[in-house]
Amino acid sequence: MNETVLCYIKKKNEYLMLYRNKKENDINMGKWIGVGGHIEKNETPIEALYREVKEETNLDILDYKYLGDVYFYDNSYSELMHLYVVLDFKGLEIFNDEGTFKWINKEDVLSLNLFEGDKIFLKRIIDENYDFFKLELFYDNGILKEMKFL
């Protein structure tokens, strides 16, 4: 099972969202997502969170909340994603080679072109429901078929 981290960086009533529009052969092409990536060998999820945020945004995390674990299943692919919200940071964000960053007002986040399963946990984040959860998302060729909280 692939293991990743994903976070949504909050600033007042906005979230830093990444529009994936630059990388070739990108399964996220045309979607808005948070900041994150794969956990490297001998790396903890927290270490991966700090590394990915620094690499992708040039921001340093000062405060975060671990929200939960999301399990994705899509045909033969499976992934465990550790989900976070970054509540405080320092630095100036930069552009990366995977897409374009934009601060999006929290009222507008759910109207973006998102993966269907992402809307489930993004609603919790936007509502500031930071209670820990575990969620399973079952896809069939990219189409959400079933979801359940564990």
N, C-alpha and C. Protein backbone atom coordinates (compact mmCIF):
# COMPACT_ATOMS: atom_id res chain seq x y z
N MET A 1 0.85 -1.18 0.00
CA MET A 1 0.00 0.00 0.00
C MET A 1 0.89 1.24 0.00
N ASN A 2 0.61 2.17 -0.90
CA ASN A 2 1.33 3.44 -0.92
C ASN A 2 0.96 4.24 0.32
N GLU A 3 1.93 5.00 0.83
CA GLU A 3 1.67 5.81 2.01
C GLU A 3 2.08 7.25 1.71
N THR A 4 1.15 8.19 1.98
CA THR A 4 1.36 9.59 1.64
C THR A 4 0.92 10.49 2.79
N VAL A 5 1.25 11.77 2.64
CA VAL A 5 0.73 12.81 3.52
C VAL A 5 0.05 13.87 2.65
N LEU A 6 -0.95 14.50 3.22
CA LEU A 6 -1.63 15.61 2.56
C LEU A 6 -2.03 16.60 3.61
N CYS A 7 -1.84 17.89 3.31
CA CYS A 7 -2.28 18.91 4.25
C CYS A 7 -2.94 20.06 3.52
N TYR A 8 -3.74 20.75 4.27
CA TYR A 8 -4.37 21.99 3.80
C TYR A 8 -3.87 23.09 4.72
N ILE A 9 -3.24 24.10 4.11
CA ILE A 9 -2.62 25.19 4.85
C ILE A 9 -3.64 26.32 4.97
N LYS A 10 -3.92 26.70 6.21
CA LYS A 10 -4.95 27.70 6.49
C LYS A 10 -4.33 29.04 6.83
N LYS A 11 -4.92 30.10 6.28
CA LYS A 11 -4.53 31.48 6.61
C LYS A 11 -5.82 32.28 6.72
N LYS A 12 -6.19 32.65 7.94
CA LYS A 12 -7.46 33.33 8.23
C LYS A 12 -8.60 32.47 7.69
N ASN A 13 -9.35 32.95 6.72
CA ASN A 13 -10.48 32.20 6.16
C ASN A 13 -10.17 31.62 4.78
N GLU A 14 -8.89 31.39 4.51
CA GLU A 14 -8.48 30.87 3.20
C GLU A 14 -7.62 29.62 3.37
N TYR A 15 -7.60 28.83 2.29
CA TYR A 15 -6.74 27.64 2.24
C TYR A 15 -5.88 27.74 0.99
N LEU A 16 -4.61 27.34 1.13
CA LEU A 16 -3.70 27.31 0.00
C LEU A 16 -3.98 26.05 -0.80
N MET A 17 -4.46 26.22 -2.01
CA MET A 17 -4.83 25.10 -2.86
C MET A 17 -3.90 25.06 -4.07
N LEU A 18 -3.61 23.86 -4.51
CA LEU A 18 -2.73 23.65 -5.66
C LEU A 18 -3.57 23.14 -6.83
N TYR A 19 -3.57 23.92 -7.91
CA TYR A 19 -4.24 23.49 -9.14
C TYR A 19 -3.23 22.77 -9.99
N ARG A 20 -3.45 21.47 -10.19
CA ARG A 20 -2.48 20.63 -10.92
C ARG A 20 -2.66 20.84 -12.43
N ASN A 21 -1.72 21.58 -13.02
CA ASN A 21 -1.84 21.92 -14.44
C ASN A 21 -0.51 21.94 -15.18
N LYS A 22 0.57 21.42 -14.56
CA LYS A 22 1.88 21.54 -15.20
C LYS A 22 2.58 20.22 -15.48
N LYS A 23 2.33 19.20 -14.70
CA LYS A 23 3.08 17.95 -14.78
C LYS A 23 2.44 17.02 -15.82
N GLU A 24 3.27 16.44 -16.69
CA GLU A 24 2.75 15.51 -17.70
C GLU A 24 2.36 14.19 -17.05
N ASN A 25 1.37 13.50 -17.62
CA ASN A 25 0.90 12.20 -17.13
C ASN A 25 0.56 12.25 -15.64
N ASP A 26 -0.19 13.26 -15.24
CA ASP A 26 -0.53 13.51 -13.85
C ASP A 26 -1.95 13.01 -13.57
N ILE A 27 -2.08 12.06 -12.63
CA ILE A 27 -3.44 11.57 -12.30
C ILE A 27 -4.27 12.65 -11.63
N ASN A 28 -3.62 13.71 -11.16
CA ASN A 28 -4.32 14.83 -10.53
C ASN A 28 -4.56 15.99 -11.50
N MET A 29 -4.23 15.84 -12.77
CA MET A 29 -4.35 16.92 -13.74
C MET A 29 -5.76 17.53 -13.73
N GLY A 30 -5.80 18.85 -13.63
CA GLY A 30 -7.07 19.56 -13.67
C GLY A 30 -7.81 19.60 -12.34
N LYS A 31 -7.24 19.02 -11.32
CA LYS A 31 -7.88 18.98 -9.99
C LYS A 31 -7.19 19.96 -9.05
N TRP A 32 -7.93 20.41 -8.06
CA TRP A 32 -7.40 21.21 -6.97
C TRP A 32 -7.15 20.28 -5.80
N ILE A 33 -5.95 20.36 -5.24
CA ILE A 33 -5.58 19.50 -4.12
C ILE A 33 -4.81 20.32 -3.09
N GLY A 34 -4.49 19.67 -1.98
CA GLY A 34 -3.65 20.29 -0.96
C GLY A 34 -2.19 20.01 -1.26
N VAL A 35 -1.37 20.21 -0.26
CA VAL A 35 0.08 20.03 -0.37
C VAL A 35 0.46 18.69 0.23
N GLY A 36 1.28 17.93 -0.45
CA GLY A 36 1.70 16.66 0.11
C GLY A 36 2.44 15.81 -0.88
N GLY A 37 2.61 14.54 -0.50
CA GLY A 37 3.31 13.61 -1.36
C GLY A 37 3.64 12.33 -0.64
N HIS A 38 4.49 11.53 -1.26
CA HIS A 38 4.83 10.21 -0.73
C HIS A 38 5.77 10.31 0.47
N ILE A 39 5.61 9.36 1.37
CA ILE A 39 6.51 9.23 2.50
C ILE A 39 7.71 8.42 2.02
N GLU A 40 8.90 8.96 2.25
CA GLU A 40 10.11 8.29 1.80
C GLU A 40 10.52 7.21 2.79
N LYS A 41 11.38 6.30 2.33
CA LYS A 41 11.88 5.22 3.16
C LYS A 41 12.53 5.78 4.43
N ASN A 42 12.25 5.17 5.56
CA ASN A 42 12.79 5.57 6.87
C ASN A 42 12.33 6.96 7.30
N GLU A 43 11.20 7.43 6.79
CA GLU A 43 10.67 8.75 7.13
C GLU A 43 9.32 8.56 7.83
N THR A 44 9.08 9.32 8.88
CA THR A 44 7.78 9.28 9.55
C THR A 44 6.80 10.17 8.80
N PRO A 45 5.50 9.98 9.01
CA PRO A 45 4.53 10.89 8.38
C PRO A 45 4.76 12.36 8.73
N ILE A 46 5.13 12.64 9.97
CA ILE A 46 5.37 14.04 10.36
C ILE A 46 6.59 14.60 9.64
N GLU A 47 7.64 13.81 9.54
CA GLU A 47 8.82 14.26 8.79
C GLU A 47 8.46 14.51 7.33
N ALA A 48 7.65 13.64 6.76
CA ALA A 48 7.22 13.82 5.36
C ALA A 48 6.37 15.08 5.22
N LEU A 49 5.51 15.35 6.19
CA LEU A 49 4.69 16.56 6.16
C LEU A 49 5.57 17.80 6.09
N TYR A 50 6.52 17.91 7.02
CA TYR A 50 7.41 19.08 7.05
C TYR A 50 8.21 19.19 5.75
N ARG A 51 8.74 18.06 5.27
CA ARG A 51 9.54 18.07 4.04
C ARG A 51 8.72 18.49 2.84
N GLU A 52 7.55 17.87 2.67
CA GLU A 52 6.72 18.17 1.50
C GLU A 52 6.27 19.63 1.49
N VAL A 53 5.87 20.15 2.64
CA VAL A 53 5.44 21.56 2.70
C VAL A 53 6.60 22.47 2.35
N LYS A 54 7.79 22.17 2.87
CA LYS A 54 8.96 23.01 2.56
C LYS A 54 9.32 22.91 1.08
N GLU A 55 9.34 21.70 0.53
CA GLU A 55 9.70 21.52 -0.89
C GLU A 55 8.71 22.18 -1.83
N GLU A 56 7.42 22.04 -1.53
CA GLU A 56 6.41 22.52 -2.47
C GLU A 56 6.06 23.99 -2.30
N THR A 57 6.20 24.53 -1.09
CA THR A 57 5.73 25.90 -0.85
C THR A 57 6.80 26.83 -0.30
N ASN A 58 7.89 26.29 0.19
CA ASN A 58 8.93 27.03 0.88
C ASN A 58 8.45 27.59 2.22
N LEU A 59 7.35 27.08 2.74
CA LEU A 59 6.84 27.51 4.05
C LEU A 59 7.38 26.58 5.13
N ASP A 60 7.54 27.12 6.33
CA ASP A 60 7.92 26.35 7.50
C ASP A 60 6.70 26.23 8.40
N ILE A 61 6.35 25.01 8.77
CA ILE A 61 5.20 24.76 9.62
C ILE A 61 5.52 25.15 11.06
N LEU A 62 4.61 25.92 11.68
CA LEU A 62 4.74 26.28 13.08
C LEU A 62 3.72 25.55 13.95
N ASP A 63 2.53 25.26 13.38
CA ASP A 63 1.49 24.57 14.12
C ASP A 63 0.62 23.78 13.14
N TYR A 64 0.26 22.57 13.52
CA TYR A 64 -0.56 21.73 12.67
C TYR A 64 -1.44 20.85 13.55
N LYS A 65 -2.43 20.24 12.92
CA LYS A 65 -3.31 19.28 13.58
C LYS A 65 -3.40 18.05 12.68
N TYR A 66 -3.17 16.89 13.30
CA TYR A 66 -3.31 15.61 12.59
C TYR A 66 -4.79 15.27 12.61
N LEU A 67 -5.40 15.21 11.43
CA LEU A 67 -6.85 15.04 11.35
C LEU A 67 -7.29 13.59 11.23
N GLY A 68 -6.51 12.78 10.52
CA GLY A 68 -6.94 11.40 10.36
C GLY A 68 -6.22 10.68 9.26
N ASP A 69 -6.72 9.46 9.02
CA ASP A 69 -6.18 8.60 7.98
C ASP A 69 -7.27 8.31 6.96
N VAL A 70 -6.91 8.46 5.70
CA VAL A 70 -7.84 8.20 4.61
C VAL A 70 -7.26 7.07 3.77
N TYR A 71 -8.05 6.03 3.59
CA TYR A 71 -7.65 4.86 2.80
C TYR A 71 -8.35 4.94 1.45
N PHE A 72 -7.56 4.97 0.38
CA PHE A 72 -8.09 5.01 -0.98
C PHE A 72 -7.90 3.64 -1.62
N TYR A 73 -8.94 3.19 -2.28
CA TYR A 73 -8.86 1.95 -3.06
C TYR A 73 -9.45 2.24 -4.42
N ASP A 74 -8.70 1.92 -5.47
CA ASP A 74 -9.19 2.09 -6.84
C ASP A 74 -8.63 0.94 -7.68
N ASN A 75 -9.47 -0.05 -7.91
CA ASN A 75 -9.06 -1.25 -8.62
C ASN A 75 -7.83 -1.85 -7.93
N SER A 76 -6.68 -1.92 -8.59
CA SER A 76 -5.51 -2.56 -7.98
C SER A 76 -4.66 -1.57 -7.17
N TYR A 77 -5.05 -0.31 -7.12
CA TYR A 77 -4.27 0.70 -6.40
C TYR A 77 -4.84 0.90 -4.99
N SER A 78 -3.94 1.01 -4.01
CA SER A 78 -4.37 1.34 -2.65
C SER A 78 -3.38 2.33 -2.04
N GLU A 79 -3.91 3.19 -1.18
CA GLU A 79 -3.10 4.24 -0.58
C GLU A 79 -3.62 4.57 0.81
N LEU A 80 -2.70 4.77 1.73
CA LEU A 80 -3.01 5.31 3.05
C LEU A 80 -2.47 6.73 3.08
N MET A 81 -3.39 7.69 3.27
CA MET A 81 -3.01 9.09 3.30
C MET A 81 -3.23 9.64 4.70
N HIS A 82 -2.16 10.21 5.28
CA HIS A 82 -2.25 10.87 6.58
C HIS A 82 -2.62 12.33 6.31
N LEU A 83 -3.72 12.78 6.90
CA LEU A 83 -4.29 14.09 6.59
C LEU A 83 -4.05 15.09 7.72
N TYR A 84 -3.63 16.29 7.37
CA TYR A 84 -3.31 17.35 8.33
C TYR A 84 -3.91 18.67 7.89
N VAL A 85 -4.07 19.58 8.85
CA VAL A 85 -4.32 20.98 8.55
C VAL A 85 -3.20 21.77 9.22
N VAL A 86 -2.58 22.68 8.46
CA VAL A 86 -1.53 23.54 8.99
C VAL A 86 -2.20 24.83 9.42
N LEU A 87 -2.06 25.14 10.71
CA LEU A 87 -2.75 26.28 11.29
C LEU A 87 -1.87 27.53 11.41
N ASP A 88 -0.55 27.35 11.38
CA ASP A 88 0.36 28.48 11.44
C ASP A 88 1.65 28.11 10.72
N PHE A 89 2.24 29.09 10.08
CA PHE A 89 3.46 28.88 9.29
C PHE A 89 4.21 30.19 9.18
N LYS A 90 5.43 30.10 8.67
CA LYS A 90 6.20 31.31 8.36
C LYS A 90 6.84 31.12 7.00
N GLY A 91 7.13 32.24 6.35
CA GLY A 91 7.76 32.20 5.04
C GLY A 91 6.82 32.69 3.96
N LEU A 92 7.36 32.73 2.76
CA LEU A 92 6.61 33.16 1.59
C LEU A 92 6.50 31.98 0.64
N GLU A 93 5.28 31.68 0.20
CA GLU A 93 5.12 30.52 -0.67
C GLU A 93 5.73 30.77 -2.05
N ILE A 94 6.06 29.69 -2.71
CA ILE A 94 6.65 29.76 -4.04
C ILE A 94 5.81 28.93 -5.00
N PHE A 95 6.09 29.05 -6.27
CA PHE A 95 5.43 28.24 -7.26
C PHE A 95 6.25 26.98 -7.48
N ASN A 96 5.57 25.89 -7.82
CA ASN A 96 6.33 24.66 -8.07
C ASN A 96 6.04 24.17 -9.48
N ASP A 97 6.64 23.05 -9.83
CA ASP A 97 6.54 22.54 -11.20
C ASP A 97 5.35 21.61 -11.41
N GLU A 98 4.49 21.46 -10.41
CA GLU A 98 3.34 20.57 -10.55
C GLU A 98 2.03 21.32 -10.79
N GLY A 99 2.02 22.63 -10.48
CA GLY A 99 0.79 23.37 -10.65
C GLY A 99 0.92 24.79 -10.14
N THR A 100 -0.25 25.41 -9.97
CA THR A 100 -0.33 26.80 -9.56
C THR A 100 -1.01 26.89 -8.20
N PHE A 101 -0.38 27.59 -7.26
CA PHE A 101 -0.97 27.80 -5.94
C PHE A 101 -1.88 29.02 -5.95
N LYS A 102 -2.95 28.92 -5.16
CA LYS A 102 -3.84 30.07 -5.00
C LYS A 102 -4.51 29.97 -3.64
N TRP A 103 -4.60 31.11 -2.95
CA TRP A 103 -5.36 31.15 -1.69
C TRP A 103 -6.83 31.24 -2.05
N ILE A 104 -7.61 30.28 -1.55
CA ILE A 104 -9.04 30.18 -1.87
C ILE A 104 -9.85 30.40 -0.59
N ASN A 105 -10.83 31.29 -0.67
CA ASN A 105 -11.71 31.52 0.47
C ASN A 105 -12.42 30.22 0.83
N LYS A 106 -12.56 29.96 2.13
CA LYS A 106 -13.11 28.68 2.56
C LYS A 106 -14.51 28.42 2.01
N GLU A 107 -15.30 29.47 1.77
CA GLU A 107 -16.64 29.29 1.21
C GLU A 107 -16.60 28.81 -0.24
N ASP A 108 -15.47 28.99 -0.91
CA ASP A 108 -15.36 28.64 -2.33
C ASP A 108 -14.64 27.31 -2.58
N VAL A 109 -14.02 26.74 -1.56
CA VAL A 109 -13.19 25.55 -1.75
C VAL A 109 -13.99 24.39 -2.34
N LEU A 110 -15.17 24.12 -1.80
CA LEU A 110 -15.94 22.96 -2.25
C LEU A 110 -16.51 23.12 -3.66
N SER A 111 -16.47 24.34 -4.21
CA SER A 111 -16.95 24.55 -5.59
C SER A 111 -15.84 24.34 -6.62
N LEU A 112 -14.60 24.09 -6.16
CA LEU A 112 -13.49 23.82 -7.08
C LEU A 112 -13.64 22.43 -7.69
N ASN A 113 -12.86 22.17 -8.74
CA ASN A 113 -12.84 20.85 -9.35
C ASN A 113 -11.99 19.94 -8.47
N LEU A 114 -12.66 19.19 -7.58
CA LEU A 114 -12.02 18.34 -6.58
C LEU A 114 -12.37 16.88 -6.85
N PHE A 115 -11.55 15.99 -6.31
CA PHE A 115 -11.95 14.58 -6.29
C PHE A 115 -13.15 14.46 -5.36
N GLU A 116 -14.10 13.60 -5.72
CA GLU A 116 -15.32 13.46 -4.92
C GLU A 116 -15.02 13.09 -3.47
N GLY A 117 -14.09 12.19 -3.26
CA GLY A 117 -13.74 11.79 -1.91
C GLY A 117 -13.11 12.91 -1.10
N ASP A 118 -12.36 13.79 -1.76
CA ASP A 118 -11.74 14.92 -1.06
C ASP A 118 -12.79 15.83 -0.45
N LYS A 119 -13.93 15.96 -1.10
CA LYS A 119 -14.99 16.83 -0.58
C LYS A 119 -15.46 16.37 0.80
N ILE A 120 -15.40 15.07 1.05
CA ILE A 120 -15.86 14.53 2.32
C ILE A 120 -15.00 15.05 3.46
N PHE A 121 -13.67 14.94 3.33
CA PHE A 121 -12.83 15.41 4.42
C PHE A 121 -12.59 16.91 4.37
N LEU A 122 -12.67 17.53 3.19
CA LEU A 122 -12.52 18.98 3.12
C LEU A 122 -13.67 19.70 3.84
N LYS A 123 -14.86 19.14 3.78
CA LYS A 123 -15.99 19.74 4.49
C LYS A 123 -15.69 19.77 5.98
N ARG A 124 -15.13 18.70 6.51
CA ARG A 124 -14.75 18.66 7.93
C ARG A 124 -13.71 19.75 8.24
N ILE A 125 -12.71 19.89 7.37
CA ILE A 125 -11.66 20.87 7.59
C ILE A 125 -12.23 22.29 7.57
N ILE A 126 -13.05 22.59 6.57
CA ILE A 126 -13.64 23.92 6.43
C ILE A 126 -14.52 24.24 7.64
N ASP A 127 -15.24 23.23 8.13
CA ASP A 127 -16.09 23.42 9.32
C ASP A 127 -15.28 23.43 10.61
N GLU A 128 -13.96 23.29 10.49
CA GLU A 128 -13.03 23.24 11.62
C GLU A 128 -13.36 22.12 12.59
N ASN A 129 -13.83 21.01 12.04
CA ASN A 129 -14.04 19.80 12.82
C ASN A 129 -12.72 19.02 12.77
N TYR A 130 -11.91 19.20 13.80
CA TYR A 130 -10.59 18.61 13.82
C TYR A 130 -10.53 17.32 14.63
N ASP A 131 -11.69 16.71 14.89
CA ASP A 131 -11.71 15.42 15.57
C ASP A 131 -11.08 14.37 14.67
N PHE A 132 -10.23 13.53 15.25
CA PHE A 132 -9.54 12.50 14.49
C PHE A 132 -10.54 11.52 13.89
N PHE A 133 -10.29 11.09 12.66
CA PHE A 133 -11.18 10.13 11.99
C PHE A 133 -10.37 9.21 11.08
N LYS A 134 -11.01 8.11 10.71
CA LYS A 134 -10.50 7.21 9.68
C LYS A 134 -11.61 7.03 8.67
N LEU A 135 -11.22 7.10 7.39
CA LEU A 135 -12.18 7.09 6.30
C LEU A 135 -11.68 6.16 5.21
N GLU A 136 -12.58 5.35 4.67
CA GLU A 136 -12.26 4.53 3.50
C GLU A 136 -13.02 5.06 2.30
N LEU A 137 -12.31 5.22 1.18
CA LEU A 137 -12.90 5.67 -0.08
C LEU A 137 -12.64 4.60 -1.13
N PHE A 138 -13.71 4.12 -1.71
CA PHE A 138 -13.61 3.08 -2.73
C PHE A 138 -13.98 3.67 -4.09
N TYR A 139 -13.02 3.65 -5.00
CA TYR A 139 -13.20 4.16 -6.36
C TYR A 139 -13.18 3.01 -7.35
N ASP A 140 -13.77 3.26 -8.51
CA ASP A 140 -13.67 2.36 -9.64
C ASP A 140 -13.29 3.21 -10.84
N ASN A 141 -12.05 3.08 -11.28
CA ASN A 141 -11.52 3.89 -12.39
C ASN A 141 -11.74 5.38 -12.15
N GLY A 142 -11.44 5.84 -10.93
CA GLY A 142 -11.51 7.25 -10.61
C GLY A 142 -12.88 7.76 -10.21
N ILE A 143 -13.87 6.90 -10.19
CA ILE A 143 -15.24 7.30 -9.81
C ILE A 143 -15.54 6.77 -8.42
N LEU A 144 -15.89 7.68 -7.50
CA LEU A 144 -16.18 7.28 -6.13
C LEU A 144 -17.45 6.42 -6.09
N LYS A 145 -17.32 5.21 -5.55
CA LYS A 145 -18.44 4.27 -5.48
C LYS A 145 -18.98 4.10 -4.06
N GLU A 146 -18.08 4.22 -3.08
CA GLU A 146 -18.50 3.99 -1.71
C GLU A 146 -17.55 4.70 -0.76
N MET A 147 -18.07 5.14 0.39
CA MET A 147 -17.24 5.71 1.43
C MET A 147 -17.79 5.27 2.76
N LYS A 148 -16.88 5.12 3.73
CA LYS A 148 -17.34 4.80 5.09
C LYS A 148 -16.31 5.23 6.10
N PHE A 149 -16.83 5.79 7.20
CA PHE A 149 -15.99 6.15 8.33
C PHE A 149 -15.79 4.91 9.17
N LEU A 150 -14.59 4.67 9.63
CA LEU A 150 -14.26 3.49 10.44
C LEU A 150 -14.37 3.82 11.92
